[in-house]
Amino acid sequence: MHKYPMQLYWSEDDEAFIVEVPDLLGCAADGPTPEEAAIDRWLWAAREEGWKIPECSPRPLQTAS
């Protein structure tokens, strides 16, 4: 399990959660649950492209209502 802080939103239009991962530039996904595998997909792409993978920041999980 990854420990990156996430920002979680609910989209009425998509009827899905939107998850953004500020530590991972451009990492965002939507899905029926907050557990969407956005981080795994981003890390896979980063490894394929040879990008440096940042450390997790100490920020807590934030949610918006």
C-alpha atoms as a PDB file:
ATOM      1  CA  MET A   1       0.000   0.000   0.000  1.00  0.00           C
ATOM      2  CA  HIS A   2       1.295   3.433  -0.912  1.00  0.00           C
ATOM      3  CA  LYS A   3       1.369   6.206   1.656  1.00  0.00           C
ATOM      4  CA  TYR A   4       1.048   9.208  -0.671  1.00  0.00           C
ATOM      5  CA  PRO A   5      -1.438  11.822   0.547  1.00  0.00           C
ATOM      6  CA  MET A   6      -4.519  12.102  -1.644  1.00  0.00           C
ATOM      7  CA  GLN A   7      -7.276  14.611  -2.184  1.00  0.00           C
ATOM      8  CA  LEU A   8     -10.630  12.956  -2.597  1.00  0.00           C
ATOM      9  CA  TYR A   9     -13.726  14.481  -4.204  1.00  0.00           C
ATOM     10  CA  TRP A  10     -17.140  13.159  -5.230  1.00  0.00           C
ATOM     11  CA  SER A  11     -18.328  14.022  -8.746  1.00  0.00           C
ATOM     12  CA  GLU A  12     -22.102  14.094  -9.135  1.00  0.00           C
ATOM     13  CA  ASP A  13     -21.675  14.345 -12.936  1.00  0.00           C
ATOM     14  CA  ASP A  14     -19.551  11.179 -13.121  1.00  0.00           C
ATOM     15  CA  GLU A  15     -21.137   9.505 -10.094  1.00  0.00           C
ATOM     16  CA  ALA A  16     -17.603   8.579  -9.075  1.00  0.00           C
ATOM     17  CA  PHE A  17     -14.836   9.556  -6.689  1.00  0.00           C
ATOM     18  CA  ILE A  18     -12.075  11.763  -8.070  1.00  0.00           C
ATOM     19  CA  VAL A  19      -8.681  11.174  -6.471  1.00  0.00           C
ATOM     20  CA  GLU A  20      -5.701  13.503  -6.950  1.00  0.00           C
ATOM     21  CA  VAL A  21      -2.195  12.751  -5.667  1.00  0.00           C
ATOM     22  CA  PRO A  22      -0.329  16.072  -5.331  1.00  0.00           C
ATOM     23  CA  ASP A  23       3.091  14.426  -4.780  1.00  0.00           C
ATOM     24  CA  LEU A  24       2.831  12.691  -8.168  1.00  0.00           C
ATOM     25  CA  LEU A  25       2.547  15.336 -10.875  1.00  0.00           C
ATOM     26  CA  GLY A  26      -0.534  14.723 -13.005  1.00  0.00           C
ATOM     27  CA  CYS A  27      -1.724  11.727 -10.991  1.00  0.00           C
ATOM     28  CA  ALA A  28      -5.519  11.731 -10.874  1.00  0.00           C
ATOM     29  CA  ALA A  29      -8.169   9.096 -11.498  1.00  0.00           C
ATOM     30  CA  ASP A  30     -11.821   8.433 -11.040  1.00  0.00           C
ATOM     31  CA  GLY A  31     -13.600   5.323  -9.955  1.00  0.00           C
ATOM     32  CA  PRO A  32     -16.466   3.862  -7.990  1.00  0.00           C
ATOM     33  CA  THR A  33     -14.376   3.679  -4.786  1.00  0.00           C
ATOM     34  CA  PRO A  34     -11.578   5.773  -3.247  1.00  0.00           C
ATOM     35  CA  GLU A  35      -9.296   2.770  -3.624  1.00  0.00           C
ATOM     36  CA  GLU A  36      -8.952   3.343  -7.396  1.00  0.00           C
ATOM     37  CA  ALA A  37      -5.467   2.289  -8.491  1.00  0.00           C
ATOM     38  CA  ALA A  38      -4.331   5.737  -9.675  1.00  0.00           C
ATOM     39  CA  ILE A  39      -1.060   5.600  -7.791  1.00  0.00           C
ATOM     40  CA  ASP A  40      -0.110   2.171  -9.149  1.00  0.00           C
ATOM     41  CA  ARG A  41      -0.795   3.314 -12.718  1.00  0.00           C
ATOM     42  CA  TRP A  42       1.230   6.506 -12.248  1.00  0.00           C
ATOM     43  CA  LEU A  43       4.179   4.623 -10.738  1.00  0.00           C
ATOM     44  CA  TRP A  44       4.100   2.069 -13.561  1.00  0.00           C
ATOM     45  CA  ALA A  45       4.230   4.861 -16.165  1.00  0.00           C
ATOM     46  CA  ALA A  46       6.998   6.647 -14.243  1.00  0.00           C
ATOM     47  CA  ARG A  47       9.140   3.509 -14.204  1.00  0.00           C
ATOM     48  CA  GLU A  48       8.508   2.902 -17.923  1.00  0.00           C
ATOM     49  CA  GLU A  49       9.540   6.507 -18.720  1.00  0.00           C
ATOM     50  CA  GLY A  50      12.497   6.555 -16.324  1.00  0.00           C
ATOM     51  CA  TRP A  51      11.055   9.395 -14.225  1.00  0.00           C
ATOM     52  CA  LYS A  52      12.295  10.027 -10.697  1.00  0.00           C
ATOM     53  CA  ILE A  53       9.669   8.834  -8.215  1.00  0.00           C
ATOM     54  CA  PRO A  54       9.239  11.351  -5.382  1.00  0.00           C
ATOM     55  CA  GLU A  55       9.112  10.437  -1.712  1.00  0.00           C
ATOM     56  CA  CYS A  56       5.774  10.700   0.073  1.00  0.00           C
ATOM     57  CA  SER A  57       5.219  14.050   1.737  1.00  0.00           C
ATOM     58  CA  PRO A  58       4.091  14.210   5.372  1.00  0.00           C
ATOM     59  CA  ARG A  59       0.753  15.881   4.511  1.00  0.00           C
ATOM     60  CA  PRO A  60      -2.383  14.171   5.837  1.00  0.00           C
ATOM     61  CA  LEU A  61      -5.192  12.816   3.661  1.00  0.00           C
ATOM     62  CA  GLN A  62      -7.636  15.562   2.758  1.00  0.00           C
ATOM     63  CA  THR A  63     -11.205  15.213   1.611  1.00  0.00           C
ATOM     64  CA  ALA A  64     -13.636  17.745   0.217  1.00  0.00           C
ATOM     65  CA  SER A  65     -17.364  17.551   0.696  1.00  0.00           C
END
